[in-house]
């Protein structure tokens, strides 16, 4: 990393999933010679989908540029994908950023900004099929890199994603030291973290709960993709 601080802008919006943001933030905040800015389109307080409120976010329009943007996912991700002022700010910052990154359904927001056309990208398994609407290529991997675009899968993959970014910026040894300091050694009590490993009845329960949201998200994603076509050649 250069003598100039590496600037990371984490972009929040109402209804984001807090762990999509706080997992990577925990890693990014430990990087040497790095400035981490928590921002949103309006600035001020932003409420997550679990009720946690993040106060004092910077207004995106006040940020002149950055080296890396990170967009978390959330239950309102497709609403954010249709937020024209937010998408405009993401496109502005992306024009000069070295890395474009996301966690979970944050990739749908990057897609809506026209940044994933022809690129492989990760997303939460339940919404990955929406990526082609934005010209992206869905990839089921937990962390996916395509050029300067690095995306993580659903929620907890944000920590894997952030450690991958840390290795890119500060080297594998440093990334491993952060992993150790966080005691990041996942050992879940159930092998139900993916559709492929979850018991069939558990998968059916989750899909049933998501069925109504799927209808809305499909419509929202299609609307965002239509808007995207106006500024993507």
C-alpha atoms as a PDB file:
ATOM      1  CA  UNK A   1       0.000   0.000   0.000  1.00  0.00           C
ATOM      2  CA  UNK A   2       1.247   3.550  -0.765  1.00  0.00           C
ATOM      3  CA  UNK A   3       2.010   6.336   1.715  1.00  0.00           C
ATOM      4  CA  UNK A   4      -1.324   7.929   0.819  1.00  0.00           C
ATOM      5  CA  UNK A   5      -4.104   6.374   2.907  1.00  0.00           C
ATOM      6  CA  UNK A   6      -6.166   3.834   1.007  1.00  0.00           C
ATOM      7  CA  UNK A   7      -9.725   5.151   1.109  1.00  0.00           C
ATOM      8  CA  UNK A   8     -12.639   2.750   1.520  1.00  0.00           C
ATOM      9  CA  UNK A   9     -16.221   3.994   1.298  1.00  0.00           C
ATOM     10  CA  UNK A  10     -18.849   1.707   2.781  1.00  0.00           C
ATOM     11  CA  UNK A  11     -22.212   2.687   1.305  1.00  0.00           C
ATOM     12  CA  UNK A  12     -25.244   2.293   3.561  1.00  0.00           C
ATOM     13  CA  UNK A  13     -28.947   2.681   2.787  1.00  0.00           C
ATOM     14  CA  UNK A  14     -32.146   2.178   4.805  1.00  0.00           C
ATOM     15  CA  UNK A  15     -32.888  -1.483   5.406  1.00  0.00           C
ATOM     16  CA  UNK A  16     -29.405  -2.877   4.822  1.00  0.00           C
ATOM     17  CA  UNK A  17     -28.428  -6.074   6.647  1.00  0.00           C
ATOM     18  CA  UNK A  18     -26.081  -4.938   9.393  1.00  0.00           C
ATOM     19  CA  UNK A  19     -23.782  -7.976   9.299  1.00  0.00           C
ATOM     20  CA  UNK A  20     -23.202  -7.435   5.571  1.00  0.00           C
ATOM     21  CA  UNK A  21     -21.692  -4.119   6.650  1.00  0.00           C
ATOM     22  CA  UNK A  22     -20.248  -4.754  10.111  1.00  0.00           C
ATOM     23  CA  UNK A  23     -18.462  -7.992   9.200  1.00  0.00           C
ATOM     24  CA  UNK A  24     -16.332  -6.392   6.483  1.00  0.00           C
ATOM     25  CA  UNK A  25     -16.033  -3.161   8.480  1.00  0.00           C
ATOM     26  CA  UNK A  26     -14.431  -5.075  11.353  1.00  0.00           C
ATOM     27  CA  UNK A  27     -11.738  -6.316   8.959  1.00  0.00           C
ATOM     28  CA  UNK A  28     -11.327  -3.116   6.928  1.00  0.00           C
ATOM     29  CA  UNK A  29     -10.922  -0.989  10.063  1.00  0.00           C
ATOM     30  CA  UNK A  30      -7.809  -3.015  10.938  1.00  0.00           C
ATOM     31  CA  UNK A  31      -6.025  -2.444   7.628  1.00  0.00           C
ATOM     32  CA  UNK A  32      -2.857  -0.338   7.858  1.00  0.00           C
ATOM     33  CA  UNK A  33      -2.751   3.123   6.286  1.00  0.00           C
ATOM     34  CA  UNK A  34      -6.444   2.969   5.451  1.00  0.00           C
ATOM     35  CA  UNK A  35      -9.253   5.474   5.860  1.00  0.00           C
ATOM     36  CA  UNK A  36     -12.672   3.854   6.188  1.00  0.00           C
ATOM     37  CA  UNK A  37     -15.647   6.126   5.546  1.00  0.00           C
ATOM     38  CA  UNK A  38     -19.203   5.072   6.386  1.00  0.00           C
ATOM     39  CA  UNK A  39     -21.520   6.970   4.068  1.00  0.00           C
ATOM     40  CA  UNK A  40     -25.036   7.124   2.702  1.00  0.00           C
ATOM     41  CA  UNK A  41     -26.791   9.136   0.024  1.00  0.00           C
ATOM     42  CA  UNK A  42     -28.605  11.459   2.460  1.00  0.00           C
ATOM     43  CA  UNK A  43     -26.034  11.266   5.263  1.00  0.00           C
ATOM     44  CA  UNK A  44     -27.005  11.064   8.924  1.00  0.00           C
ATOM     45  CA  UNK A  45     -28.657   8.127  10.659  1.00  0.00           C
ATOM     46  CA  UNK A  46     -29.424   4.952   8.696  1.00  0.00           C
ATOM     47  CA  UNK A  47     -31.548   2.122  10.136  1.00  0.00           C
ATOM     48  CA  UNK A  48     -30.711  -1.484   9.294  1.00  0.00           C
ATOM     49  CA  UNK A  49     -33.270  -4.200   8.573  1.00  0.00           C
ATOM     50  CA  UNK A  50     -32.804  -5.546  12.108  1.00  0.00           C
ATOM     51  CA  UNK A  51     -33.449  -2.204  13.758  1.00  0.00           C
ATOM     52  CA  UNK A  52     -29.870  -1.177  14.528  1.00  0.00           C
ATOM     53  CA  UNK A  53     -29.271   2.463  13.653  1.00  0.00           C
ATOM     54  CA  UNK A  54     -25.946   3.681  12.312  1.00  0.00           C
ATOM     55  CA  UNK A  55     -25.569   7.346  13.216  1.00  0.00           C
ATOM     56  CA  UNK A  56     -23.506  10.057  11.607  1.00  0.00           C
ATOM     57  CA  UNK A  57     -22.925   8.569   8.160  1.00  0.00           C
ATOM     58  CA  UNK A  58     -21.214  10.915   5.710  1.00  0.00           C
ATOM     59  CA  UNK A  59     -23.203  12.221   2.775  1.00  0.00           C
ATOM     60  CA  UNK A  60     -21.955  10.531  -0.382  1.00  0.00           C
ATOM     61  CA  UNK A  61     -22.060  13.767  -2.358  1.00  0.00           C
ATOM     62  CA  UNK A  62     -19.415  15.237  -0.041  1.00  0.00           C
ATOM     63  CA  UNK A  63     -16.904  12.488  -0.845  1.00  0.00           C
ATOM     64  CA  UNK A  64     -14.695  13.413  -3.762  1.00  0.00           C
ATOM     65  CA  UNK A  65     -13.376   9.937  -4.520  1.00  0.00           C
ATOM     66  CA  UNK A  66     -12.114   6.691  -3.076  1.00  0.00           C
ATOM     67  CA  UNK A  67     -10.041   3.601  -3.820  1.00  0.00           C
ATOM     68  CA  UNK A  68     -12.692   1.009  -2.952  1.00  0.00           C
ATOM     69  CA  UNK A  69     -16.456   1.069  -2.630  1.00  0.00           C
ATOM     70  CA  UNK A  70     -18.289  -1.609  -0.681  1.00  0.00           C
ATOM     71  CA  UNK A  71     -22.046  -2.071  -0.938  1.00  0.00           C
ATOM     72  CA  UNK A  72     -23.756  -4.388   1.566  1.00  0.00           C
ATOM     73  CA  UNK A  73     -26.962  -6.249   0.877  1.00  0.00           C
ATOM     74  CA  UNK A  74     -30.253  -6.123   2.696  1.00  0.00           C
ATOM     75  CA  UNK A  75     -33.935  -6.847   2.560  1.00  0.00           C
ATOM     76  CA  UNK A  76     -34.347  -3.483   0.834  1.00  0.00           C
ATOM     77  CA  UNK A  77     -31.545  -4.006  -1.688  1.00  0.00           C
ATOM     78  CA  UNK A  78     -33.823  -3.892  -4.718  1.00  0.00           C
ATOM     79  CA  UNK A  79     -35.447  -0.722  -3.347  1.00  0.00           C
ATOM     80  CA  UNK A  80     -31.950   0.760  -3.177  1.00  0.00           C
ATOM     81  CA  UNK A  81     -31.318  -0.446  -6.732  1.00  0.00           C
ATOM     82  CA  UNK A  82     -34.174   1.821  -7.816  1.00  0.00           C
ATOM     83  CA  UNK A  83     -32.964   4.812  -5.798  1.00  0.00           C
ATOM     84  CA  UNK A  84     -31.729   7.062  -8.618  1.00  0.00           C
ATOM     85  CA  UNK A  85     -29.692   9.488  -6.439  1.00  0.00           C
ATOM     86  CA  UNK A  86     -27.954   6.577  -4.693  1.00  0.00           C
ATOM     87  CA  UNK A  87     -27.163   4.840  -7.978  1.00  0.00           C
ATOM     88  CA  UNK A  88     -25.805   8.099  -9.401  1.00  0.00           C
ATOM     89  CA  UNK A  89     -23.428   8.497  -6.454  1.00  0.00           C
ATOM     90  CA  UNK A  90     -22.256   4.892  -6.754  1.00  0.00           C
ATOM     91  CA  UNK A  91     -21.560   5.384 -10.458  1.00  0.00           C
ATOM     92  CA  UNK A  92     -19.672   8.614  -9.743  1.00  0.00           C
ATOM     93  CA  UNK A  93     -17.403   7.028  -7.142  1.00  0.00           C
ATOM     94  CA  UNK A  94     -16.977   3.841  -9.183  1.00  0.00           C
ATOM     95  CA  UNK A  95     -15.613   5.833 -12.128  1.00  0.00           C
ATOM     96  CA  UNK A  96     -12.301   6.415 -10.329  1.00  0.00           C
ATOM     97  CA  UNK A  97     -12.256   3.622  -7.710  1.00  0.00           C
ATOM     98  CA  UNK A  98      -9.669   0.855  -7.998  1.00  0.00           C
ATOM     99  CA  UNK A  99     -11.999  -1.809  -6.606  1.00  0.00           C
ATOM    100  CA  UNK A 100     -15.762  -2.274  -6.759  1.00  0.00           C
ATOM    101  CA  UNK A 101     -17.058  -4.634  -4.109  1.00  0.00           C
ATOM    102  CA  UNK A 102     -20.236  -5.906  -2.480  1.00  0.00           C
ATOM    103  CA  UNK A 103     -21.657  -8.424  -0.050  1.00  0.00           C
ATOM    104  CA  UNK A 104     -24.804 -10.502  -0.499  1.00  0.00           C
ATOM    105  CA  UNK A 105     -27.509  -8.651  -2.492  1.00  0.00           C
ATOM    106  CA  UNK A 106     -25.246  -5.616  -2.670  1.00  0.00           C
ATOM    107  CA  UNK A 107     -24.200  -7.073  -6.024  1.00  0.00           C
ATOM    108  CA  UNK A 108     -27.706  -6.331  -7.312  1.00  0.00           C
ATOM    109  CA  UNK A 109     -27.089  -2.674  -6.468  1.00  0.00           C
ATOM    110  CA  UNK A 110     -23.730  -2.711  -8.256  1.00  0.00           C
ATOM    111  CA  UNK A 111     -25.558  -4.338 -11.148  1.00  0.00           C
ATOM    112  CA  UNK A 112     -28.221  -1.637 -11.172  1.00  0.00           C
ATOM    113  CA  UNK A 113     -25.407   0.916 -11.425  1.00  0.00           C
ATOM    114  CA  UNK A 114     -24.276  -0.798 -14.626  1.00  0.00           C
ATOM    115  CA  UNK A 115     -21.018  -2.036 -13.112  1.00  0.00           C
ATOM    116  CA  UNK A 116     -21.371  -5.803 -13.576  1.00  0.00           C
ATOM    117  CA  UNK A 117     -22.106  -6.180 -17.285  1.00  0.00           C
ATOM    118  CA  UNK A 118     -20.236  -9.242 -18.513  1.00  0.00           C
ATOM    119  CA  UNK A 119     -18.732  -9.811 -15.054  1.00  0.00           C
ATOM    120  CA  UNK A 120     -18.973 -12.813 -12.750  1.00  0.00           C
ATOM    121  CA  UNK A 121     -20.493 -11.969  -9.387  1.00  0.00           C
ATOM    122  CA  UNK A 122     -21.650 -13.577  -6.157  1.00  0.00           C
ATOM    123  CA  UNK A 123     -24.944 -13.000  -4.384  1.00  0.00           C
ATOM    124  CA  UNK A 124     -27.114 -14.629  -1.730  1.00  0.00           C
ATOM    125  CA  UNK A 125     -28.286 -17.983  -3.104  1.00  0.00           C
ATOM    126  CA  UNK A 126     -31.969 -17.000  -3.048  1.00  0.00           C
ATOM    127  CA  UNK A 127     -31.488 -13.961  -5.268  1.00  0.00           C
ATOM    128  CA  UNK A 128     -28.509 -14.941  -7.423  1.00  0.00           C
ATOM    129  CA  UNK A 129     -30.811 -15.639 -10.379  1.00  0.00           C
ATOM    130  CA  UNK A 130     -31.569 -11.903 -10.604  1.00  0.00           C
ATOM    131  CA  UNK A 131     -27.992 -10.997 -11.572  1.00  0.00           C
ATOM    132  CA  UNK A 132     -28.418 -11.727 -15.319  1.00  0.00           C
ATOM    133  CA  UNK A 133     -31.031  -8.947 -15.463  1.00  0.00           C
ATOM    134  CA  UNK A 134     -28.053  -6.617 -15.064  1.00  0.00           C
ATOM    135  CA  UNK A 135     -25.839  -8.410 -17.556  1.00  0.00           C
ATOM    136  CA  UNK A 136     -23.873 -10.152 -14.803  1.00  0.00           C
ATOM    137  CA  UNK A 137     -22.834 -13.807 -14.685  1.00  0.00           C
ATOM    138  CA  UNK A 138     -23.974 -15.520 -11.452  1.00  0.00           C
ATOM    139  CA  UNK A 139     -21.241 -17.419  -9.640  1.00  0.00           C
ATOM    140  CA  UNK A 140     -22.092 -19.657  -6.653  1.00  0.00           C
ATOM    141  CA  UNK A 141     -18.676 -19.236  -5.018  1.00  0.00           C
ATOM    142  CA  UNK A 142     -18.505 -17.675  -1.572  1.00  0.00           C
ATOM    143  CA  UNK A 143     -16.122 -14.986  -2.837  1.00  0.00           C
ATOM    144  CA  UNK A 144     -15.850 -14.108  -6.516  1.00  0.00           C
ATOM    145  CA  UNK A 145     -13.255 -11.929  -8.206  1.00  0.00           C
ATOM    146  CA  UNK A 146     -13.520 -10.703 -11.783  1.00  0.00           C
ATOM    147  CA  UNK A 147     -10.911  -8.066 -12.546  1.00  0.00           C
ATOM    148  CA  UNK A 148     -11.293  -5.207 -10.084  1.00  0.00           C
ATOM    149  CA  UNK A 149     -14.690  -6.467  -8.916  1.00  0.00           C
ATOM    150  CA  UNK A 150     -14.785  -8.561  -5.739  1.00  0.00           C
ATOM    151  CA  UNK A 151     -18.137  -9.803  -4.462  1.00  0.00           C
ATOM    152  CA  UNK A 152     -19.190 -11.949  -1.525  1.00  0.00           C
ATOM    153  CA  UNK A 153     -22.115 -14.317  -1.186  1.00  0.00           C
ATOM    154  CA  UNK A 154     -24.801 -14.168   1.482  1.00  0.00           C
ATOM    155  CA  UNK A 155     -24.281 -12.322   4.773  1.00  0.00           C
ATOM    156  CA  UNK A 156     -21.600 -14.345   6.600  1.00  0.00           C
ATOM    157  CA  UNK A 157     -19.551 -14.582   3.402  1.00  0.00           C
ATOM    158  CA  UNK A 158     -18.803 -10.911   4.041  1.00  0.00           C
ATOM    159  CA  UNK A 159     -16.015 -11.866   6.440  1.00  0.00           C
ATOM    160  CA  UNK A 160     -14.430 -14.244   3.905  1.00  0.00           C
ATOM    161  CA  UNK A 161     -14.783 -11.488   1.319  1.00  0.00           C
ATOM    162  CA  UNK A 162     -13.168  -8.890   3.572  1.00  0.00           C
ATOM    163  CA  UNK A 163     -10.225 -11.149   4.401  1.00  0.00           C
ATOM    164  CA  UNK A 164      -9.757 -11.696   0.648  1.00  0.00           C
ATOM    165  CA  UNK A 165      -9.648  -7.931   0.174  1.00  0.00           C
ATOM    166  CA  UNK A 166      -7.244  -7.595   3.117  1.00  0.00           C
ATOM    167  CA  UNK A 167      -4.887 -10.107   1.496  1.00  0.00           C
ATOM    168  CA  UNK A 168      -5.088  -8.153  -1.760  1.00  0.00           C
ATOM    169  CA  UNK A 169      -4.244  -4.858  -0.071  1.00  0.00           C
ATOM    170  CA  UNK A 170      -1.894  -5.831   2.745  1.00  0.00           C
ATOM    171  CA  UNK A 171      -0.719  -9.349   1.946  1.00  0.00           C
ATOM    172  CA  UNK A 172      -1.775 -12.832   2.968  1.00  0.00           C
ATOM    173  CA  UNK A 173       0.223 -12.788   6.210  1.00  0.00           C
ATOM    174  CA  UNK A 174      -1.532  -9.668   7.434  1.00  0.00           C
ATOM    175  CA  UNK A 175      -4.939 -11.034   6.427  1.00  0.00           C
ATOM    176  CA  UNK A 176      -4.210 -14.207   8.372  1.00  0.00           C
ATOM    177  CA  UNK A 177      -3.181 -12.167  11.399  1.00  0.00           C
ATOM    178  CA  UNK A 178      -6.528 -10.371  11.268  1.00  0.00           C
ATOM    179  CA  UNK A 179      -8.336 -13.697  10.946  1.00  0.00           C
ATOM    180  CA  UNK A 180      -6.501 -14.976  14.011  1.00  0.00           C
ATOM    181  CA  UNK A 181      -7.115 -11.814  16.019  1.00  0.00           C
ATOM    182  CA  UNK A 182     -10.832 -12.169  15.298  1.00  0.00           C
ATOM    183  CA  UNK A 183     -10.687 -15.903  16.076  1.00  0.00           C
ATOM    184  CA  UNK A 184     -12.507 -16.447  12.812  1.00  0.00           C
ATOM    185  CA  UNK A 185     -12.743 -20.247  12.761  1.00  0.00           C
ATOM    186  CA  UNK A 186     -16.336 -21.054  11.765  1.00  0.00           C
ATOM    187  CA  UNK A 187     -17.779 -24.248  13.206  1.00  0.00           C
ATOM    188  CA  UNK A 188     -21.557 -23.955  12.770  1.00  0.00           C
ATOM    189  CA  UNK A 189     -23.775 -26.228  14.854  1.00  0.00           C
ATOM    190  CA  UNK A 190     -25.705 -27.326  11.769  1.00  0.00           C
ATOM    191  CA  UNK A 191     -24.710 -28.122   8.206  1.00  0.00           C
ATOM    192  CA  UNK A 192     -27.592 -26.085   6.848  1.00  0.00           C
ATOM    193  CA  UNK A 193     -25.832 -23.025   5.458  1.00  0.00           C
ATOM    194  CA  UNK A 194     -26.489 -23.673   1.771  1.00  0.00           C
ATOM    195  CA  UNK A 195     -29.423 -25.059  -0.221  1.00  0.00           C
ATOM    196  CA  UNK A 196     -27.264 -28.025  -1.150  1.00  0.00           C
ATOM    197  CA  UNK A 197     -26.522 -29.050   2.442  1.00  0.00           C
ATOM    198  CA  UNK A 198     -29.692 -28.002   4.282  1.00  0.00           C
ATOM    199  CA  UNK A 199     -32.333 -30.679   4.966  1.00  0.00           C
ATOM    200  CA  UNK A 200     -35.044 -30.598   2.318  1.00  0.00           C
ATOM    201  CA  UNK A 201     -37.740 -29.587   4.789  1.00  0.00           C
ATOM    202  CA  UNK A 202     -35.641 -26.652   6.057  1.00  0.00           C
ATOM    203  CA  UNK A 203     -34.994 -25.444   2.522  1.00  0.00           C
ATOM    204  CA  UNK A 204     -38.726 -25.657   1.789  1.00  0.00           C
ATOM    205  CA  UNK A 205     -39.527 -23.588   4.900  1.00  0.00           C
ATOM    206  CA  UNK A 206     -37.104 -20.846   3.923  1.00  0.00           C
ATOM    207  CA  UNK A 207     -38.262 -20.776   0.316  1.00  0.00           C
ATOM    208  CA  UNK A 208     -41.871 -20.543   1.502  1.00  0.00           C
ATOM    209  CA  UNK A 209     -41.052 -17.544   3.707  1.00  0.00           C
ATOM    210  CA  UNK A 210     -39.251 -15.860   0.804  1.00  0.00           C
ATOM    211  CA  UNK A 211     -41.945 -16.541  -1.806  1.00  0.00           C
ATOM    212  CA  UNK A 212     -43.825 -13.277  -1.343  1.00  0.00           C
ATOM    213  CA  UNK A 213     -40.638 -11.215  -1.263  1.00  0.00           C
ATOM    214  CA  UNK A 214     -39.463 -12.943  -4.432  1.00  0.00           C
ATOM    215  CA  UNK A 215     -42.375 -11.478  -6.395  1.00  0.00           C
ATOM    216  CA  UNK A 216     -41.539  -7.947  -5.261  1.00  0.00           C
ATOM    217  CA  UNK A 217     -37.806  -8.360  -5.752  1.00  0.00           C
ATOM    218  CA  UNK A 218     -38.263  -9.718  -9.258  1.00  0.00           C
ATOM    219  CA  UNK A 219     -40.365  -6.690 -10.186  1.00  0.00           C
ATOM    220  CA  UNK A 220     -37.947  -4.276  -8.500  1.00  0.00           C
ATOM    221  CA  UNK A 221     -34.939  -5.859 -10.203  1.00  0.00           C
ATOM    222  CA  UNK A 222     -36.612  -5.692 -13.596  1.00  0.00           C
ATOM    223  CA  UNK A 223     -37.414  -2.010 -13.044  1.00  0.00           C
ATOM    224  CA  UNK A 224     -33.828  -1.280 -11.991  1.00  0.00           C
ATOM    225  CA  UNK A 225     -32.495  -3.172 -15.012  1.00  0.00           C
ATOM    226  CA  UNK A 226     -34.686  -1.100 -17.307  1.00  0.00           C
ATOM    227  CA  UNK A 227     -33.258   2.101 -15.803  1.00  0.00           C
ATOM    228  CA  UNK A 228     -29.740   0.695 -16.090  1.00  0.00           C
ATOM    229  CA  UNK A 229     -30.158   0.232 -19.837  1.00  0.00           C
ATOM    230  CA  UNK A 230     -30.407   4.014 -20.245  1.00  0.00           C
ATOM    231  CA  UNK A 231     -26.790   4.587 -19.180  1.00  0.00           C
ATOM    232  CA  UNK A 232     -25.052   1.353 -20.190  1.00  0.00           C
ATOM    233  CA  UNK A 233     -23.834   1.144 -23.773  1.00  0.00           C
END
